[in-house]
Structure formats: C-alpha cells, structure tokens
Full PDB file with SEQRES, HELIX, SHEET, SSBOND, CRYST1, ORIGX, SCALE, CONECT and MASTER records, all heavy atoms in Angstrom:
SEQRES   1 A   36  ALA ALA GLU GLU VAL GLY VAL PRO ILE GLU TYR ALA CYS          
SEQRES   2 A   36  ARG GLN GLY TYR CYS GLY LEU CYS LYS ILE LYS LEU LEU          
SEQRES   3 A   36  SER GLY GLU VAL THR MET ASP VAL ASP ASP                      
HELIX    1 AA1 ALA A    2  VAL A    5  1                                   4    
CRYST1    1.000    1.000    1.000  90.00  90.00  90.00 P 1           1          
ORIGX1      1.000000  0.000000  0.000000        0.00000                         
ORIGX2      0.000000  1.000000  0.000000        0.00000                         
ORIGX3      0.000000  0.000000  1.000000        0.00000                         
SCALE1      1.000000  0.000000  0.000000        0.00000                         
SCALE2      0.000000  1.000000  0.000000        0.00000                         
SCALE3      0.000000  0.000000  1.000000        0.00000                         
ATOM      1  N   ALA A   1       0.830  -1.206   0.000  1.00  0.00           N  
ATOM      2  CA  ALA A   1       0.000   0.000   0.000  1.00  0.00           C  
ATOM      3  C   ALA A   1       0.861   1.251   0.000  1.00  0.00           C  
ATOM      4  O   ALA A   1       0.554   2.241  -0.683  1.00  0.00           O  
ATOM      5  CB  ALA A   1      -0.926  -0.009   1.210  1.00  0.00           C  
ATOM      6  N   ALA A   2       1.973   1.224   0.754  1.00  0.00           N  
ATOM      7  CA  ALA A   2       2.881   2.370   0.799  1.00  0.00           C  
ATOM      8  C   ALA A   2       3.485   2.651  -0.570  1.00  0.00           C  
ATOM      9  O   ALA A   2       3.608   3.808  -0.993  1.00  0.00           O  
ATOM     10  CB  ALA A   2       3.986   2.112   1.824  1.00  0.00           C  
ATOM     11  N   GLU A   3       3.854   1.599  -1.275  1.00  0.00           N  
ATOM     12  CA  GLU A   3       4.448   1.775  -2.601  1.00  0.00           C  
ATOM     13  C   GLU A   3       3.454   2.404  -3.581  1.00  0.00           C  
ATOM     14  O   GLU A   3       3.846   3.173  -4.461  1.00  0.00           O  
ATOM     15  CB  GLU A   3       4.938   0.423  -3.122  1.00  0.00           C  
ATOM     16  CG  GLU A   3       6.149  -0.105  -2.359  1.00  0.00           C  
ATOM     17  CD  GLU A   3       6.532  -1.526  -2.742  1.00  0.00           C  
ATOM     18  OE1 GLU A   3       5.640  -2.296  -3.148  1.00  0.00           O  
ATOM     19  OE2 GLU A   3       7.718  -1.875  -2.623  1.00  0.00           O  
ATOM     20  N   GLU A   4       2.181   2.101  -3.415  1.00  0.00           N  
ATOM     21  CA  GLU A   4       1.176   2.635  -4.338  1.00  0.00           C  
ATOM     22  C   GLU A   4       0.964   4.131  -4.171  1.00  0.00           C  
ATOM     23  O   GLU A   4       0.581   4.813  -5.118  1.00  0.00           O  
ATOM     24  CB  GLU A   4      -0.147   1.889  -4.155  1.00  0.00           C  
ATOM     25  CG  GLU A   4      -0.103   0.445  -4.655  1.00  0.00           C  
ATOM     26  CD  GLU A   4      -1.452  -0.242  -4.563  1.00  0.00           C  
ATOM     27  OE1 GLU A   4      -2.412   0.395  -4.061  1.00  0.00           O  
ATOM     28  OE2 GLU A   4      -1.551  -1.412  -4.990  1.00  0.00           O  
ATOM     29  N   VAL A   5       1.211   4.657  -2.969  1.00  0.00           N  
ATOM     30  CA  VAL A   5       1.003   6.095  -2.745  1.00  0.00           C  
ATOM     31  C   VAL A   5       2.323   6.842  -2.558  1.00  0.00           C  
ATOM     32  O   VAL A   5       2.337   8.015  -2.193  1.00  0.00           O  
ATOM     33  CB  VAL A   5       0.082   6.336  -1.528  1.00  0.00           C  
ATOM     34  CG1 VAL A   5      -1.317   5.815  -1.820  1.00  0.00           C  
ATOM     35  CG2 VAL A   5       0.644   5.716  -0.259  1.00  0.00           C  
ATOM     36  N   GLY A   6       3.437   6.175  -2.800  1.00  0.00           N  
ATOM     37  CA  GLY A   6       4.731   6.847  -2.772  1.00  0.00           C  
ATOM     38  C   GLY A   6       5.296   7.118  -1.389  1.00  0.00           C  
ATOM     39  O   GLY A   6       6.067   8.069  -1.207  1.00  0.00           O  
ATOM     40  N   VAL A   7       4.926   6.297  -0.419  1.00  0.00           N  
ATOM     41  CA  VAL A   7       5.514   6.425   0.923  1.00  0.00           C  
ATOM     42  C   VAL A   7       6.756   5.538   0.986  1.00  0.00           C  
ATOM     43  O   VAL A   7       6.647   4.316   0.819  1.00  0.00           O  
ATOM     44  CB  VAL A   7       4.509   6.016   2.017  1.00  0.00           C  
ATOM     45  CG1 VAL A   7       5.195   6.012   3.389  1.00  0.00           C  
ATOM     46  CG2 VAL A   7       3.318   6.968   2.028  1.00  0.00           C  
ATOM     47  N   PRO A   8       7.937   6.119   1.212  1.00  0.00           N  
ATOM     48  CA  PRO A   8       9.172   5.300   1.198  1.00  0.00           C  
ATOM     49  C   PRO A   8       9.330   4.487   2.485  1.00  0.00           C  
ATOM     50  O   PRO A   8       9.374   5.038   3.580  1.00  0.00           O  
ATOM     51  CB  PRO A   8      10.275   6.355   1.075  1.00  0.00           C  
ATOM     52  CG  PRO A   8       9.687   7.596   1.713  1.00  0.00           C  
ATOM     53  CD  PRO A   8       8.210   7.554   1.419  1.00  0.00           C  
ATOM     54  N   ILE A   9       9.395   3.172   2.342  1.00  0.00           N  
ATOM     55  CA  ILE A   9       9.711   2.272   3.448  1.00  0.00           C  
ATOM     56  C   ILE A   9      10.825   1.353   2.964  1.00  0.00           C  
ATOM     57  O   ILE A   9      10.678   0.681   1.936  1.00  0.00           O  
ATOM     58  CB  ILE A   9       8.485   1.439   3.874  1.00  0.00           C  
ATOM     59  CG1 ILE A   9       7.378   2.352   4.425  1.00  0.00           C  
ATOM     60  CG2 ILE A   9       8.879   0.401   4.930  1.00  0.00           C  
ATOM     61  CD1 ILE A   9       6.117   1.602   4.832  1.00  0.00           C  
ATOM     62  N   GLU A  10      11.926   1.334   3.675  1.00  0.00           N  
ATOM     63  CA  GLU A  10      13.048   0.481   3.283  1.00  0.00           C  
ATOM     64  C   GLU A  10      12.657  -0.990   3.386  1.00  0.00           C  
ATOM     65  O   GLU A  10      11.903  -1.383   4.273  1.00  0.00           O  
ATOM     66  CB  GLU A  10      14.261   0.748   4.176  1.00  0.00           C  
ATOM     67  CG  GLU A  10      15.029   2.009   3.817  1.00  0.00           C  
ATOM     68  CD  GLU A  10      15.672   1.907   2.439  1.00  0.00           C  
ATOM     69  OE1 GLU A  10      16.232   0.837   2.113  1.00  0.00           O  
ATOM     70  OE2 GLU A  10      15.603   2.891   1.692  1.00  0.00           O  
ATOM     71  N   TYR A  11      13.165  -1.791   2.477  1.00  0.00           N  
ATOM     72  CA  TYR A  11      12.921  -3.229   2.527  1.00  0.00           C  
ATOM     73  C   TYR A  11      14.060  -3.945   1.830  1.00  0.00           C  
ATOM     74  O   TYR A  11      14.847  -3.341   1.111  1.00  0.00           O  
ATOM     75  CB  TYR A  11      11.585  -3.588   1.845  1.00  0.00           C  
ATOM     76  CG  TYR A  11      11.597  -3.413   0.338  1.00  0.00           C  
ATOM     77  CD1 TYR A  11      12.001  -4.453  -0.497  1.00  0.00           C  
ATOM     78  CD2 TYR A  11      11.222  -2.204  -0.254  1.00  0.00           C  
ATOM     79  CE1 TYR A  11      12.034  -4.290  -1.878  1.00  0.00           C  
ATOM     80  CE2 TYR A  11      11.259  -2.036  -1.627  1.00  0.00           C  
ATOM     81  CZ  TYR A  11      11.659  -3.082  -2.433  1.00  0.00           C  
ATOM     82  OH  TYR A  11      11.697  -2.923  -3.799  1.00  0.00           O  
ATOM     83  N   ALA A  12      14.125  -5.255   2.050  1.00  0.00           N  
ATOM     84  CA  ALA A  12      15.113  -6.077   1.344  1.00  0.00           C  
ATOM     85  C   ALA A  12      14.478  -7.389   0.929  1.00  0.00           C  
ATOM     86  O   ALA A  12      14.216  -7.628  -0.241  1.00  0.00           O  
ATOM     87  CB  ALA A  12      16.346  -6.305   2.207  1.00  0.00           C  
ATOM     88  N   CYS A  13      14.171  -8.248   1.914  1.00  0.00           N  
ATOM     89  CA  CYS A  13      13.753  -9.613   1.548  1.00  0.00           C  
ATOM     90  C   CYS A  13      12.273  -9.739   1.196  1.00  0.00           C  
ATOM     91  O   CYS A  13      11.890 -10.629   0.459  1.00  0.00           O  
ATOM     92  CB  CYS A  13      14.082 -10.569   2.693  1.00  0.00           C  
ATOM     93  SG  CYS A  13      13.022 -10.397   4.147  1.00  0.00           S  
ATOM     94  N   ARG A  14      11.427  -8.883   1.755  1.00  0.00           N  
ATOM     95  CA  ARG A  14       9.967  -8.937   1.570  1.00  0.00           C  
ATOM     96  C   ARG A  14       9.393 -10.276   2.036  1.00  0.00           C  
ATOM     97  O   ARG A  14       8.318 -10.670   1.614  1.00  0.00           O  
ATOM     98  CB  ARG A  14       9.571  -8.698   0.099  1.00  0.00           C  
ATOM     99  CG  ARG A  14       9.989  -7.355  -0.444  1.00  0.00           C  
ATOM    100  CD  ARG A  14       9.490  -7.136  -1.862  1.00  0.00           C  
ATOM    101  NE  ARG A  14       8.096  -6.734  -1.880  1.00  0.00           N  
ATOM    102  CZ  ARG A  14       7.670  -5.500  -2.140  1.00  0.00           C  
ATOM    103  NH1 ARG A  14       8.542  -4.540  -2.364  1.00  0.00           N  
ATOM    104  NH2 ARG A  14       6.389  -5.231  -2.160  1.00  0.00           N  
ATOM    105  N   GLN A  15      10.078 -10.964   2.912  1.00  0.00           N  
ATOM    106  CA  GLN A  15       9.633 -12.268   3.392  1.00  0.00           C  
ATOM    107  C   GLN A  15       9.479 -12.322   4.904  1.00  0.00           C  
ATOM    108  O   GLN A  15       9.125 -13.352   5.461  1.00  0.00           O  
ATOM    109  CB  GLN A  15      10.619 -13.360   2.951  1.00  0.00           C  
ATOM    110  CG  GLN A  15      10.707 -13.514   1.447  1.00  0.00           C  
ATOM    111  CD  GLN A  15      11.734 -14.558   1.043  1.00  0.00           C  
ATOM    112  OE1 GLN A  15      12.177 -15.356   1.874  1.00  0.00           O  
ATOM    113  NE2 GLN A  15      12.112 -14.581  -0.216  1.00  0.00           N  
ATOM    114  N   GLY A  16       9.773 -11.222   5.582  1.00  0.00           N  
ATOM    115  CA  GLY A  16       9.607 -11.195   7.021  1.00  0.00           C  
ATOM    116  C   GLY A  16      10.818 -11.619   7.812  1.00  0.00           C  
ATOM    117  O   GLY A  16      10.708 -11.835   9.016  1.00  0.00           O  
ATOM    118  N   TYR A  17      11.980 -11.721   7.157  1.00  0.00           N  
ATOM    119  CA  TYR A  17      13.163 -12.237   7.837  1.00  0.00           C  
ATOM    120  C   TYR A  17      14.217 -11.173   8.145  1.00  0.00           C  
ATOM    121  O   TYR A  17      14.849 -11.217   9.188  1.00  0.00           O  
ATOM    122  CB  TYR A  17      13.812 -13.347   7.006  1.00  0.00           C  
ATOM    123  CG  TYR A  17      12.934 -14.569   6.871  1.00  0.00           C  
ATOM    124  CD1 TYR A  17      12.268 -14.845   5.682  1.00  0.00           C  
ATOM    125  CD2 TYR A  17      12.757 -15.435   7.936  1.00  0.00           C  
ATOM    126  CE1 TYR A  17      11.450 -15.967   5.561  1.00  0.00           C  
ATOM    127  CE2 TYR A  17      11.941 -16.550   7.822  1.00  0.00           C  
ATOM    128  CZ  TYR A  17      11.293 -16.814   6.634  1.00  0.00           C  
ATOM    129  OH  TYR A  17      10.478 -17.902   6.528  1.00  0.00           O  
ATOM    130  N   CYS A  18      14.428 -10.228   7.242  1.00  0.00           N  
ATOM    131  CA  CYS A  18      15.555  -9.318   7.422  1.00  0.00           C  
ATOM    132  C   CYS A  18      15.271  -8.222   8.440  1.00  0.00           C  
ATOM    133  O   CYS A  18      16.183  -7.726   9.081  1.00  0.00           O  
ATOM    134  CB  CYS A  18      15.968  -8.706   6.086  1.00  0.00           C  
ATOM    135  SG  CYS A  18      14.820  -7.460   5.443  1.00  0.00           S  
ATOM    136  N   GLY A  19      14.020  -7.800   8.581  1.00  0.00           N  
ATOM    137  CA  GLY A  19      13.666  -6.780   9.554  1.00  0.00           C  
ATOM    138  C   GLY A  19      13.898  -5.359   9.097  1.00  0.00           C  
ATOM    139  O   GLY A  19      13.692  -4.412   9.870  1.00  0.00           O  
ATOM    140  N   LEU A  20      14.305  -5.151   7.862  1.00  0.00           N  
ATOM    141  CA  LEU A  20      14.612  -3.802   7.391  1.00  0.00           C  
ATOM    142  C   LEU A  20      13.355  -2.935   7.286  1.00  0.00           C  
ATOM    143  O   LEU A  20      13.432  -1.711   7.400  1.00  0.00           O  
ATOM    144  CB  LEU A  20      15.321  -3.880   6.031  1.00  0.00           C  
ATOM    145  CG  LEU A  20      15.933  -2.580   5.495  1.00  0.00           C  
ATOM    146  CD1 LEU A  20      16.955  -2.041   6.482  1.00  0.00           C  
ATOM    147  CD2 LEU A  20      16.570  -2.800   4.141  1.00  0.00           C  
ATOM    148  N   CYS A  21      12.194  -3.538   7.092  1.00  0.00           N  
ATOM    149  CA  CYS A  21      10.960  -2.768   6.879  1.00  0.00           C  
ATOM    150  C   CYS A  21      10.187  -2.537   8.178  1.00  0.00           C  
ATOM    151  O   CYS A  21       8.979  -2.291   8.156  1.00  0.00           O  
ATOM    152  CB  CYS A  21      10.062  -3.471   5.857  1.00  0.00           C  
ATOM    153  SG  CYS A  21       9.412  -5.062   6.418  1.00  0.00           S  
ATOM    154  N   LYS A  22      10.861  -2.576   9.312  1.00  0.00           N  
ATOM    155  CA  LYS A  22      10.194  -2.343  10.595  1.00  0.00           C  
ATOM    156  C   LYS A  22       9.604  -0.935  10.659  1.00  0.00           C  
ATOM    157  O   LYS A  22      10.267   0.049  10.316  1.00  0.00           O  
ATOM    158  CB  LYS A  22      11.185  -2.494  11.751  1.00  0.00           C  
ATOM    159  CG  LYS A  22      11.706  -3.886  12.002  1.00  0.00           C  
ATOM    160  CD  LYS A  22      12.683  -3.861  13.170  1.00  0.00           C  
ATOM    161  CE  LYS A  22      13.318  -5.217  13.423  1.00  0.00           C  
ATOM    162  NZ  LYS A  22      14.273  -5.166  14.554  1.00  0.00           N  
ATOM    163  N   ILE A  23       8.372  -0.832  11.109  1.00  0.00           N  
ATOM    164  CA  ILE A  23       7.741   0.455  11.372  1.00  0.00           C  
ATOM    165  C   ILE A  23       6.874   0.314  12.623  1.00  0.00           C  
ATOM    166  O   ILE A  23       6.528  -0.797  13.031  1.00  0.00           O  
ATOM    167  CB  ILE A  23       6.877   0.948  10.178  1.00  0.00           C  
ATOM    168  CG1 ILE A  23       5.825  -0.105   9.814  1.00  0.00           C  
ATOM    169  CG2 ILE A  23       7.733   1.323   8.990  1.00  0.00           C  
ATOM    170  CD1 ILE A  23       4.849   0.370   8.739  1.00  0.00           C  
ATOM    171  N   LYS A  24       6.493   1.429  13.208  1.00  0.00           N  
ATOM    172  CA  LYS A  24       5.682   1.418  14.431  1.00  0.00           C  
ATOM    173  C   LYS A  24       4.203   1.460  14.054  1.00  0.00           C  
ATOM    174  O   LYS A  24       3.773   2.293  13.260  1.00  0.00           O  
ATOM    175  CB  LYS A  24       6.048   2.619  15.300  1.00  0.00           C  
ATOM    176  CG  LYS A  24       5.301   2.702  16.611  1.00  0.00           C  
ATOM    177  CD  LYS A  24       5.801   1.675  17.591  1.00  0.00           C  
ATOM    178  CE  LYS A  24       5.121   1.804  18.955  1.00  0.00           C  
ATOM    179  NZ  LYS A  24       5.570   3.011  19.700  1.00  0.00           N  
ATOM    180  N   LEU A  25       3.435   0.539  14.629  1.00  0.00           N  
ATOM    181  CA  LEU A  25       1.983   0.555  14.482  1.00  0.00           C  
ATOM    182  C   LEU A  25       1.434   1.504  15.529  1.00  0.00           C  
ATOM    183  O   LEU A  25       1.607   1.287  16.728  1.00  0.00           O  
ATOM    184  CB  LEU A  25       1.417  -0.847  14.670  1.00  0.00           C  
ATOM    185  CG  LEU A  25      -0.106  -0.990  14.592  1.00  0.00           C  
ATOM    186  CD1 LEU A  25      -0.602  -0.691  13.173  1.00  0.00           C  
ATOM    187  CD2 LEU A  25      -0.540  -2.386  15.023  1.00  0.00           C  
ATOM    188  N   LEU A  26       0.746   2.587  15.090  1.00  0.00           N  
ATOM    189  CA  LEU A  26       0.246   3.606  16.007  1.00  0.00           C  
ATOM    190  C   LEU A  26      -1.162   3.305  16.492  1.00  0.00           C  
ATOM    191  O   LEU A  26      -1.517   3.610  17.630  1.00  0.00           O  
ATOM    192  CB  LEU A  26       0.296   4.984  15.338  1.00  0.00           C  
ATOM    193  CG  LEU A  26       1.690   5.440  14.879  1.00  0.00           C  
ATOM    194  CD1 LEU A  26       1.600   6.765  14.139  1.00  0.00           C  
ATOM    195  CD2 LEU A  26       2.640   5.538  16.071  1.00  0.00           C  
ATOM    196  N   SER A  27      -1.972   2.705  15.622  1.00  0.00           N  
ATOM    197  CA  SER A  27      -3.330   2.341  16.031  1.00  0.00           C  
ATOM    198  C   SER A  27      -3.835   1.212  15.145  1.00  0.00           C  
ATOM    199  O   SER A  27      -3.385   1.039  14.006  1.00  0.00           O  
ATOM    200  CB  SER A  27      -4.279   3.540  15.942  1.00  0.00           C  
ATOM    201  OG  SER A  27      -4.456   3.944  14.586  1.00  0.00           O  
ATOM    202  N   GLY A  28      -4.780   0.445  15.698  1.00  0.00           N  
ATOM    203  CA  GLY A  28      -5.331  -0.674  14.960  1.00  0.00           C  
ATOM    204  C   GLY A  28      -4.554  -1.960  15.217  1.00  0.00           C  
ATOM    205  O   GLY A  28      -3.622  -1.991  16.033  1.00  0.00           O  
ATOM    206  N   GLU A  29      -4.930  -3.002  14.492  1.00  0.00           N  
ATOM    207  CA  GLU A  29      -4.302  -4.301  14.640  1.00  0.00           C  
ATOM    208  C   GLU A  29      -3.945  -4.868  13.272  1.00  0.00           C  
ATOM    209  O   GLU A  29      -4.642  -4.605  12.290  1.00  0.00           O  
ATOM    210  CB  GLU A  29      -5.231  -5.281  15.372  1.00  0.00           C  
ATOM    211  CG  GLU A  29      -5.548  -4.882  16.801  1.00  0.00           C  
ATOM    212  CD  GLU A  29      -6.431  -5.908  17.491  1.00  0.00           C  
ATOM    213  OE1 GLU A  29      -6.859  -6.877  16.806  1.00  0.00           O  
ATOM    214  OE2 GLU A  29      -6.702  -5.746  18.687  1.00  0.00           O  
ATOM    215  N   VAL A  30      -2.862  -5.640  13.238  1.00  0.00           N  
ATOM    216  CA  VAL A  30      -2.442  -6.284  11.996  1.00  0.00           C  
ATOM    217  C   VAL A  30      -2.153  -7.753  12.261  1.00  0.00           C  
ATOM    218  O   VAL A  30      -1.953  -8.167  13.409  1.00  0.00           O  
ATOM    219  CB  VAL A  30      -1.177  -5.611  11.396  1.00  0.00           C  
ATOM    220  CG1 VAL A  30      -1.424  -4.153  11.096  1.00  0.00           C  
ATOM    221  CG2 VAL A  30       0.020  -5.782  12.330  1.00  0.00           C  
ATOM    222  N   THR A  31      -2.128  -8.521  11.190  1.00  0.00           N  
ATOM    223  CA  THR A  31      -1.676  -9.901  11.249  1.00  0.00           C  
ATOM    224  C   THR A  31      -0.448 -10.034  10.353  1.00  0.00           C  
ATOM    225  O   THR A  31      -0.313  -9.319   9.358  1.00  0.00           O  
ATOM    226  CB  THR A  31      -2.760 -10.881  10.778  1.00  0.00           C  
ATOM    227  OG1 THR A  31      -3.122 -10.571   9.413  1.00  0.00           O  
ATOM    228  CG2 THR A  31      -4.005 -10.783  11.661  1.00  0.00           C  
ATOM    229  N   MET A  32       0.442 -10.944  10.734  1.00  0.00           N  
ATOM    230  CA  MET A  32       1.662 -11.167   9.957  1.00  0.00           C  
ATOM    231  C   MET A  32       1.892 -12.664   9.808  1.00  0.00           C  
ATOM    232  O   MET A  32       1.909 -13.395  10.811  1.00  0.00           O  
ATOM    233  CB  MET A  32       2.865 -10.501  10.639  1.00  0.00           C  
ATOM    234  CG  MET A  32       2.816  -8.987  10.635  1.00  0.00           C  
ATOM    235  SD  MET A  32       4.231  -8.214  11.496  1.00  0.00           S  
ATOM    236  CE  MET A  32       3.758  -8.509  13.205  1.00  0.00           C  
ATOM    237  N   ASP A  33       2.067 -13.131   8.576  1.00  0.00           N  
ATOM    238  CA  ASP A  33       2.339 -14.547   8.336  1.00  0.00           C  
ATOM    239  C   ASP A  33       3.704 -14.944   8.881  1.00  0.00           C  
ATOM    240  O   ASP A  33       3.890 -16.049   9.384  1.00  0.00           O  
ATOM    241  CB  ASP A  33       2.263 -14.870   6.840  1.00  0.00           C  
ATOM    242  CG  ASP A  33       0.854 -14.720   6.279  1.00  0.00           C  
ATOM    243  OD1 ASP A  33      -0.105 -14.877   7.057  1.00  0.00           O  
ATOM    244  OD2 ASP A  33       0.727 -14.457   5.071  1.00  0.00           O  
ATOM    245  N   VAL A  34       4.686 -14.049   8.753  1.00  0.00           N  
ATOM    246  CA  VAL A  34       6.045 -14.289   9.230  1.00  0.00           C  
ATOM    247  C   VAL A  34       6.504 -13.049   9.984  1.00  0.00           C  
ATOM    248  O   VAL A  34       6.346 -11.929   9.498  1.00  0.00           O  
ATOM    249  CB  VAL A  34       7.023 -14.562   8.066  1.00  0.00           C  
ATOM    250  CG1 VAL A  34       8.434 -14.810   8.588  1.00  0.00           C  
ATOM    251  CG2 VAL A  34       6.542 -15.746   7.232  1.00  0.00           C  
ATOM    252  N   ASP A  35       7.059 -13.233  11.173  1.00  0.00           N  
ATOM    253  CA  ASP A  35       7.572 -12.078  11.920  1.00  0.00           C  
ATOM    254  C   ASP A  35       8.945 -12.354  12.515  1.00  0.00           C  
ATOM    255  O   ASP A  35       9.327 -11.793  13.538  1.00  0.00           O  
ATOM    256  CB  ASP A  35       6.594 -11.642  13.006  1.00  0.00           C  
ATOM    257  CG  ASP A  35       6.424 -12.679  14.101  1.00  0.00           C  
ATOM    258  OD1 ASP A  35       6.994 -13.784  13.967  1.00  0.00           O  
ATOM    259  OD2 ASP A  35       5.733 -12.385  15.101  1.00  0.00           O  
ATOM    260  N   ASP A  36       9.705 -13.213  11.840  1.00  0.00           N  
ATOM    261  CA  ASP A  36      11.032 -13.591  12.336  1.00  0.00           C  
ATOM    262  C   ASP A  36      11.974 -12.400  12.450  1.00  0.00           C  
ATOM    263  O   ASP A  36      12.921 -12.421  13.238  1.00  0.00           O  
ATOM    264  CB  ASP A  36      11.665 -14.641  11.416  1.00  0.00           C  
ATOM    265  CG  ASP A  36      10.966 -15.990  11.500  1.00  0.00           C  
ATOM    266  OD1 ASP A  36       9.735 -15.985  11.658  1.00  0.00           O  
ATOM    267  OD2 ASP A  36      11.635 -17.029  11.402  1.00  0.00           O  
TER     268      ASP A  36                                                      
MASTER        0    0    0    1    0    0    0    6  267    1    0    3          
END                                                                             
C-alpha cells in the first residue's frame, strides 16, 4: 500500500526475515504470516 502512494519504506527480503521494513503501528491491529 505504501508503494502505491509513494511512501518510502526500506525493505530487502519482503519475506519477514531481514527486519529492514520495521515500522511502528500507532493504532489498529495487523496480522503477519512471518515475523522472524
């Protein structure tokens, strides 16, 4: 969703392993298939 509106979030593996795309959740709830 961030990529579609031009919000820059660093990433590498896109698989939940490297941790480069960490961000703070301010409100609401999310689910994650992988959170290693």
